[in-house]
Protein backbone atom coordinates (compact mmCIF):
# COMPACT_ATOMS: atom_id res chain seq x y z
CA UNK A 1 0.00 0.00 0.00
CA UNK A 2 0.84 3.64 0.20
CA UNK A 3 0.02 6.62 2.40
CA UNK A 4 -2.19 9.64 1.62
CA UNK A 5 0.77 11.68 0.35
CA UNK A 6 1.66 8.99 -2.19
CA UNK A 7 -2.01 8.62 -3.15
CA UNK A 8 -2.25 12.36 -3.87
CA UNK A 9 1.03 12.22 -5.85
CA UNK A 10 -0.27 9.30 -7.96
CA UNK A 11 -3.62 10.94 -8.63
CA UNK A 12 -1.88 14.11 -9.82
CA UNK A 13 0.32 12.02 -12.14
CA UNK A 14 -2.54 9.90 -13.50
CA UNK A 15 -5.35 12.45 -14.01
CA UNK A 16 -3.76 14.06 -17.10
CA UNK A 17 -3.32 10.59 -18.62
CA UNK A 18 -6.96 9.54 -18.26
CA UNK A 19 -8.71 8.25 -21.41
CA UNK A 20 -12.25 7.11 -22.19
CA UNK A 21 -11.27 3.79 -23.74
CA UNK A 22 -8.67 1.25 -22.67
CA UNK A 23 -5.26 1.68 -24.34
CA UNK A 24 -5.23 -1.92 -25.57
CA UNK A 25 -7.18 -5.17 -25.52
CA UNK A 26 -8.64 -5.49 -22.03
CA UNK A 27 -11.72 -7.43 -23.10
CA UNK A 28 -11.22 -9.88 -20.21
CA UNK A 29 -11.42 -7.15 -17.55
CA UNK A 30 -14.78 -6.83 -15.83
CA UNK A 31 -16.43 -3.40 -16.03
CA UNK A 32 -16.66 -1.46 -12.78
CA UNK A 33 -18.03 2.05 -12.14
CA UNK A 34 -14.82 3.14 -10.39
CA UNK A 35 -12.56 1.85 -13.17
CA UNK A 36 -10.57 4.55 -15.00
CA UNK A 37 -8.28 4.04 -17.97
CA UNK A 38 -5.02 5.95 -18.43
CA UNK A 39 -2.45 6.11 -21.21
CA UNK A 40 0.56 3.89 -20.39
CA UNK A 41 3.07 6.76 -20.15
CA UNK A 42 4.40 6.06 -16.63
CA UNK A 43 6.53 3.22 -15.35
CA UNK A 44 6.28 1.94 -11.80
CA UNK A 45 7.97 -0.74 -9.76
CA UNK A 46 5.73 -3.48 -8.37
CA UNK A 47 6.18 -6.65 -6.38
CA UNK A 48 4.02 -9.70 -7.11
CA UNK A 49 3.68 -13.34 -6.12
CA UNK A 50 3.47 -14.78 -9.61
CA UNK A 51 1.97 -14.57 -13.07
CA UNK A 52 -1.26 -16.33 -14.05
CA UNK A 53 -1.71 -18.49 -17.16
CA UNK A 54 -3.36 -15.45 -18.81
CA UNK A 55 -0.28 -13.31 -18.12
CA UNK A 56 -1.81 -11.28 -15.28
CA UNK A 57 0.14 -10.43 -12.13
CA UNK A 58 -0.95 -12.34 -9.05
CA UNK A 59 -1.28 -10.13 -5.92
CA UNK A 60 0.60 -7.10 -7.31
CA UNK A 61 1.82 -4.47 -4.86
CA UNK A 62 2.79 -0.93 -5.86
CA UNK A 63 6.32 0.10 -4.84
CA UNK A 64 7.00 3.47 -6.53
CA UNK A 65 6.98 5.46 -9.77
CA UNK A 66 10.24 5.12 -11.67
CA UNK A 67 11.86 8.22 -13.16
CA UNK A 68 14.17 6.60 -15.73
C-alpha atoms as a PDB file:
ATOM      1  CA  UNK A   1       0.000   0.000   0.000  1.00  0.00           C
ATOM      2  CA  UNK A   2       0.841   3.640   0.197  1.00  0.00           C
ATOM      3  CA  UNK A   3       0.024   6.625   2.396  1.00  0.00           C
ATOM      4  CA  UNK A   4      -2.189   9.638   1.616  1.00  0.00           C
ATOM      5  CA  UNK A   5       0.770  11.681   0.351  1.00  0.00           C
ATOM      6  CA  UNK A   6       1.663   8.986  -2.187  1.00  0.00           C
ATOM      7  CA  UNK A   7      -2.008   8.625  -3.146  1.00  0.00           C
ATOM      8  CA  UNK A   8      -2.247  12.362  -3.875  1.00  0.00           C
ATOM      9  CA  UNK A   9       1.030  12.216  -5.849  1.00  0.00           C
ATOM     10  CA  UNK A  10      -0.272   9.301  -7.958  1.00  0.00           C
ATOM     11  CA  UNK A  11      -3.624  10.945  -8.632  1.00  0.00           C
ATOM     12  CA  UNK A  12      -1.876  14.113  -9.819  1.00  0.00           C
ATOM     13  CA  UNK A  13       0.319  12.025 -12.138  1.00  0.00           C
ATOM     14  CA  UNK A  14      -2.545   9.901 -13.496  1.00  0.00           C
ATOM     15  CA  UNK A  15      -5.351  12.454 -14.010  1.00  0.00           C
ATOM     16  CA  UNK A  16      -3.760  14.065 -17.096  1.00  0.00           C
ATOM     17  CA  UNK A  17      -3.318  10.595 -18.623  1.00  0.00           C
ATOM     18  CA  UNK A  18      -6.963   9.538 -18.265  1.00  0.00           C
ATOM     19  CA  UNK A  19      -8.709   8.245 -21.406  1.00  0.00           C
ATOM     20  CA  UNK A  20     -12.246   7.114 -22.190  1.00  0.00           C
ATOM     21  CA  UNK A  21     -11.274   3.788 -23.743  1.00  0.00           C
ATOM     22  CA  UNK A  22      -8.672   1.253 -22.670  1.00  0.00           C
ATOM     23  CA  UNK A  23      -5.262   1.683 -24.338  1.00  0.00           C
ATOM     24  CA  UNK A  24      -5.225  -1.919 -25.575  1.00  0.00           C
ATOM     25  CA  UNK A  25      -7.179  -5.172 -25.517  1.00  0.00           C
ATOM     26  CA  UNK A  26      -8.645  -5.487 -22.033  1.00  0.00           C
ATOM     27  CA  UNK A  27     -11.722  -7.431 -23.100  1.00  0.00           C
ATOM     28  CA  UNK A  28     -11.219  -9.878 -20.213  1.00  0.00           C
ATOM     29  CA  UNK A  29     -11.416  -7.155 -17.547  1.00  0.00           C
ATOM     30  CA  UNK A  30     -14.781  -6.826 -15.831  1.00  0.00           C
ATOM     31  CA  UNK A  31     -16.431  -3.399 -16.033  1.00  0.00           C
ATOM     32  CA  UNK A  32     -16.662  -1.457 -12.782  1.00  0.00           C
ATOM     33  CA  UNK A  33     -18.034   2.053 -12.142  1.00  0.00           C
ATOM     34  CA  UNK A  34     -14.821   3.143 -10.391  1.00  0.00           C
ATOM     35  CA  UNK A  35     -12.560   1.846 -13.166  1.00  0.00           C
ATOM     36  CA  UNK A  36     -10.572   4.545 -14.997  1.00  0.00           C
ATOM     37  CA  UNK A  37      -8.279   4.038 -17.975  1.00  0.00           C
ATOM     38  CA  UNK A  38      -5.023   5.946 -18.430  1.00  0.00           C
ATOM     39  CA  UNK A  39      -2.445   6.112 -21.211  1.00  0.00           C
ATOM     40  CA  UNK A  40       0.558   3.892 -20.394  1.00  0.00           C
ATOM     41  CA  UNK A  41       3.065   6.755 -20.146  1.00  0.00           C
ATOM     42  CA  UNK A  42       4.396   6.063 -16.626  1.00  0.00           C
ATOM     43  CA  UNK A  43       6.534   3.218 -15.347  1.00  0.00           C
ATOM     44  CA  UNK A  44       6.278   1.945 -11.796  1.00  0.00           C
ATOM     45  CA  UNK A  45       7.973  -0.743  -9.757  1.00  0.00           C
ATOM     46  CA  UNK A  46       5.726  -3.476  -8.372  1.00  0.00           C
ATOM     47  CA  UNK A  47       6.184  -6.650  -6.379  1.00  0.00           C
ATOM     48  CA  UNK A  48       4.017  -9.696  -7.113  1.00  0.00           C
ATOM     49  CA  UNK A  49       3.679 -13.342  -6.118  1.00  0.00           C
ATOM     50  CA  UNK A  50       3.470 -14.780  -9.610  1.00  0.00           C
ATOM     51  CA  UNK A  51       1.969 -14.567 -13.072  1.00  0.00           C
ATOM     52  CA  UNK A  52      -1.258 -16.335 -14.052  1.00  0.00           C
ATOM     53  CA  UNK A  53      -1.707 -18.487 -17.159  1.00  0.00           C
ATOM     54  CA  UNK A  54      -3.359 -15.449 -18.814  1.00  0.00           C
ATOM     55  CA  UNK A  55      -0.280 -13.315 -18.119  1.00  0.00           C
ATOM     56  CA  UNK A  56      -1.812 -11.276 -15.281  1.00  0.00           C
ATOM     57  CA  UNK A  57       0.135 -10.431 -12.128  1.00  0.00           C
ATOM     58  CA  UNK A  58      -0.948 -12.338  -9.050  1.00  0.00           C
ATOM     59  CA  UNK A  59      -1.283 -10.128  -5.922  1.00  0.00           C
ATOM     60  CA  UNK A  60       0.602  -7.102  -7.311  1.00  0.00           C
ATOM     61  CA  UNK A  61       1.817  -4.470  -4.857  1.00  0.00           C
ATOM     62  CA  UNK A  62       2.785  -0.932  -5.862  1.00  0.00           C
ATOM     63  CA  UNK A  63       6.325   0.104  -4.844  1.00  0.00           C
ATOM     64  CA  UNK A  64       7.004   3.470  -6.533  1.00  0.00           C
ATOM     65  CA  UNK A  65       6.978   5.462  -9.774  1.00  0.00           C
ATOM     66  CA  UNK A  66      10.243   5.122 -11.674  1.00  0.00           C
ATOM     67  CA  UNK A  67      11.861   8.217 -13.162  1.00  0.00           C
ATOM     68  CA  UNK A  68      14.167   6.604 -15.730  1.00  0.00           C
END
